[in-house]
N, C-alpha and C. Protein backbone atom coordinates (compact mmCIF):
# COMPACT_ATOMS: atom_id res chain seq x y z
N MET A 1 0.99 -1.13 0.08
CA MET A 1 0.09 0.08 0.04
C MET A 1 0.81 1.33 0.00
N GLU A 2 1.75 1.36 0.84
CA GLU A 2 2.75 2.58 1.01
C GLU A 2 3.62 2.74 -0.24
N GLY A 3 3.91 1.69 -0.93
CA GLY A 3 4.96 1.44 -2.07
C GLY A 3 4.00 2.28 -3.26
N SER A 4 2.77 1.89 -3.33
CA SER A 4 1.90 2.38 -4.37
C SER A 4 1.74 3.94 -4.18
N LEU A 5 1.41 4.42 -2.90
CA LEU A 5 1.31 5.94 -2.76
C LEU A 5 2.74 6.56 -3.13
N LEU A 6 3.84 5.95 -2.86
CA LEU A 6 5.09 6.57 -3.19
C LEU A 6 5.22 6.90 -4.57
N ILE A 7 4.36 5.86 -5.25
CA ILE A 7 4.62 6.23 -7.05
C ILE A 7 3.36 7.18 -7.34
N LEU A 8 2.29 6.86 -6.76
CA LEU A 8 0.97 7.64 -7.24
C LEU A 8 0.93 9.13 -6.75
N ILE A 9 1.46 9.56 -5.68
CA ILE A 9 1.47 11.01 -5.36
C ILE A 9 2.47 11.83 -6.03
N PRO A 10 3.66 11.40 -6.37
CA PRO A 10 4.40 12.26 -7.29
C PRO A 10 4.00 12.39 -8.67
N ILE A 11 3.41 11.13 -9.15
CA ILE A 11 2.68 11.06 -10.50
C ILE A 11 1.60 12.25 -10.53
N SER A 12 0.68 12.26 -9.51
CA SER A 12 -0.39 13.02 -9.45
C SER A 12 0.13 14.58 -9.21
N VAL A 13 1.16 14.86 -8.67
CA VAL A 13 1.67 16.17 -8.51
C VAL A 13 2.14 16.57 -9.79
N LEU A 14 2.75 15.86 -10.55
CA LEU A 14 3.34 16.15 -11.80
C LEU A 14 2.02 16.24 -12.81
N LEU A 15 1.14 15.54 -12.78
CA LEU A 15 -0.11 15.82 -13.55
C LEU A 15 -0.60 17.15 -13.40
N VAL A 16 -0.88 17.45 -12.06
CA VAL A 16 -1.50 18.79 -11.65
C VAL A 16 -0.53 19.83 -12.34
N LEU A 17 0.70 19.88 -12.17
CA LEU A 17 1.71 20.81 -12.53
C LEU A 17 1.60 21.04 -14.08
N LEU A 18 1.42 19.81 -14.81
CA LEU A 18 1.23 19.76 -16.23
C LEU A 18 -0.03 20.57 -16.52
N ILE A 19 -1.17 20.23 -15.96
CA ILE A 19 -2.55 20.71 -16.34
C ILE A 19 -2.39 22.35 -15.97
N VAL A 20 -1.70 22.77 -15.05
CA VAL A 20 -1.65 24.19 -14.67
C VAL A 20 -0.84 24.79 -15.79
N GLY A 21 0.30 24.18 -16.13
CA GLY A 21 1.21 24.75 -17.11
C GLY A 21 0.48 24.98 -18.41
N VAL A 22 -0.33 24.07 -18.84
CA VAL A 22 -0.94 24.08 -20.22
C VAL A 22 -1.96 25.24 -20.01
N LEU A 23 -2.91 25.36 -18.90
CA LEU A 23 -3.74 26.51 -18.85
C LEU A 23 -3.14 27.65 -18.69
N TRP A 24 -1.95 27.80 -18.14
CA TRP A 24 -1.18 29.15 -17.95
C TRP A 24 -0.83 29.52 -19.57
N TRP A 25 -0.16 28.47 -20.26
CA TRP A 25 0.12 28.89 -21.52
C TRP A 25 -1.01 29.41 -22.46
N ALA A 26 -1.99 28.68 -22.36
CA ALA A 26 -3.36 28.94 -23.12
C ALA A 26 -3.75 30.23 -22.72
N ALA A 27 -3.83 30.77 -21.49
CA ALA A 27 -4.15 32.17 -21.06
C ALA A 27 -3.47 33.11 -21.61
N ARG A 28 -1.91 32.78 -21.58
CA ARG A 28 -1.01 33.94 -22.09
C ARG A 28 -0.87 33.99 -23.45
N SER A 29 -1.24 32.83 -24.21
CA SER A 29 -1.20 32.93 -25.81
C SER A 29 -2.38 33.36 -26.38
N GLY A 30 -3.29 33.84 -25.52
CA GLY A 30 -4.73 34.22 -26.09
C GLY A 30 -5.71 33.32 -26.64
N GLN A 31 -5.70 32.04 -26.02
CA GLN A 31 -6.61 31.06 -26.48
C GLN A 31 -8.13 31.52 -25.86
N PHE A 32 -8.18 32.34 -24.76
CA PHE A 32 -9.47 32.49 -24.27
C PHE A 32 -9.96 34.10 -24.53
N ASP A 33 -9.31 34.65 -25.55
CA ASP A 33 -9.58 36.03 -25.52
C ASP A 33 -11.15 36.26 -25.97
N ASP A 34 -11.55 35.72 -27.13
CA ASP A 34 -12.89 35.83 -27.72
C ASP A 34 -13.52 34.79 -28.12
N MET A 35 -14.13 34.15 -27.34
CA MET A 35 -14.71 32.83 -27.47
C MET A 35 -16.03 32.79 -28.18
N GLU A 36 -16.88 34.10 -28.19
CA GLU A 36 -18.15 34.28 -28.77
C GLU A 36 -18.06 34.91 -29.97
N GLY A 37 -17.11 35.67 -30.16
CA GLY A 37 -16.88 36.70 -31.46
C GLY A 37 -17.28 35.99 -32.82
N PRO A 38 -16.39 34.94 -33.10
CA PRO A 38 -16.44 34.00 -34.41
C PRO A 38 -17.96 33.39 -34.52
N ALA A 39 -18.45 32.91 -33.43
CA ALA A 39 -19.67 32.14 -33.38
C ALA A 39 -20.73 33.36 -33.98
N HIS A 40 -20.61 34.51 -33.26
CA HIS A 40 -21.90 35.71 -33.70
C HIS A 40 -21.47 35.95 -35.03
N ALA A 41 -20.28 36.00 -35.40
CA ALA A 41 -19.85 36.55 -37.02
C ALA A 41 -20.67 35.75 -38.00
N ILE A 42 -20.60 34.47 -37.63
CA ILE A 42 -21.38 33.55 -38.64
C ILE A 42 -22.91 33.89 -38.63
N LEU A 43 -23.35 34.04 -37.53
CA LEU A 43 -24.96 34.29 -37.43
C LEU A 43 -25.17 35.74 -38.20
N MET A 44 -24.22 36.82 -38.20
CA MET A 44 -24.48 38.23 -38.65
C MET A 44 -24.02 38.29 -39.94
N ASP A 45 -23.63 37.09 -40.70
CA ASP A 45 -23.26 37.29 -42.07
C ASP A 45 -24.44 37.68 -43.17
N ASP A 46 -23.99 38.53 -43.88
CA ASP A 46 -24.88 39.15 -44.77
C ASP A 46 -25.17 38.37 -45.91
N ASP A 47 -26.41 37.75 -46.09
CA ASP A 47 -26.86 36.72 -46.96
C ASP A 47 -27.44 37.45 -48.31
N ARG A 48 -27.80 38.79 -48.19
CA ARG A 48 -28.30 39.40 -49.28
C ARG A 48 -27.54 39.60 -50.63
N PRO A 49 -27.90 39.34 -51.62
CA PRO A 49 -26.83 39.31 -52.95
C PRO A 49 -26.69 40.82 -53.11
N LYS A 50 -25.54 41.02 -53.82
CA LYS A 50 -24.89 42.20 -54.14
C LYS A 50 -25.87 42.88 -55.17
N PRO A 51 -26.13 44.17 -55.20
CA PRO A 51 -27.13 44.79 -56.30
C PRO A 51 -26.72 44.58 -57.76
N GLU A 52 -25.37 44.12 -58.14
CA GLU A 52 -24.93 44.03 -59.30
C GLU A 52 -25.41 42.51 -59.73
N ALA A 53 -25.36 41.53 -58.91
CA ALA A 53 -25.78 40.20 -59.09
C ALA A 53 -27.10 40.14 -59.14
N LYS A 54 -28.00 40.93 -58.45
CA LYS A 54 -29.55 40.80 -58.66
C LYS A 54 -29.90 41.50 -59.86
N ALA A 55 -29.23 42.61 -60.43
CA ALA A 55 -29.49 43.03 -61.62
C ALA A 55 -29.25 41.99 -62.84
N ALA A 56 -28.37 41.37 -62.81
CA ALA A 56 -27.77 40.25 -63.81
C ALA A 56 -28.94 39.15 -63.70
N GLU A 57 -29.20 38.84 -62.52
CA GLU A 57 -30.35 37.71 -62.60
C GLU A 57 -31.61 38.06 -63.12
N THR A 58 -32.07 39.31 -62.81
CA THR A 58 -33.35 39.90 -63.42
C THR A 58 -33.25 39.93 -64.84
N ASP A 59 -32.10 40.33 -65.55
CA ASP A 59 -31.89 40.30 -67.06
C ASP A 59 -32.16 38.89 -67.50
N ALA A 60 -31.33 38.06 -66.79
CA ALA A 60 -31.34 36.60 -67.22
C ALA A 60 -32.61 35.91 -67.29
N SER A 61 -33.52 36.29 -66.18
CA SER A 61 -35.03 35.63 -66.14
C SER A 61 -35.99 36.21 -67.13
N GLN A 62 -35.55 37.31 -67.79
CA GLN A 62 -36.73 37.90 -68.83
C GLN A 62 -36.48 37.28 -70.01
N PRO A 63 -37.46 37.17 -71.02
CA PRO A 63 -37.23 36.49 -72.13
C PRO A 63 -36.36 37.49 -73.12
N PRO A 64 -35.70 36.90 -74.12
CA PRO A 64 -34.92 37.57 -75.10
C PRO A 64 -35.54 38.94 -75.70
N GLU A 65 -36.94 38.73 -75.88
CA GLU A 65 -37.35 40.05 -76.52
C GLU A 65 -37.48 41.14 -75.69
N ALA A 66 -37.64 40.90 -74.16
CA ALA A 66 -37.62 42.06 -73.21
C ALA A 66 -36.45 42.60 -72.81
N ARG A 67 -35.30 41.84 -73.14
CA ARG A 67 -33.96 42.20 -72.69
C ARG A 67 -33.50 43.48 -73.86
N ARG A 68 -33.97 43.37 -75.11
CA ARG A 68 -33.52 44.06 -75.87
C ARG A 68 -33.79 45.56 -75.85
N GLU A 69 -34.68 45.75 -74.74
CA GLU A 69 -35.27 47.31 -74.63
C GLU A 69 -33.96 47.99 -73.96
């Protein structure tokens, strides 16, 4: 029992130090700066076609006789 504790306690301390180090690095490198911005940017995307594209679609949908005007 005591032999396994002598192995498990240092391993758990090293694991905790590793996790703290990874979280510290992530916070310092900007991983947690803006978690919601990209998600909101997708929702606020402008899905309306540009006016030039809409005019081209209108011309293409008319019969050839109407386009000559």
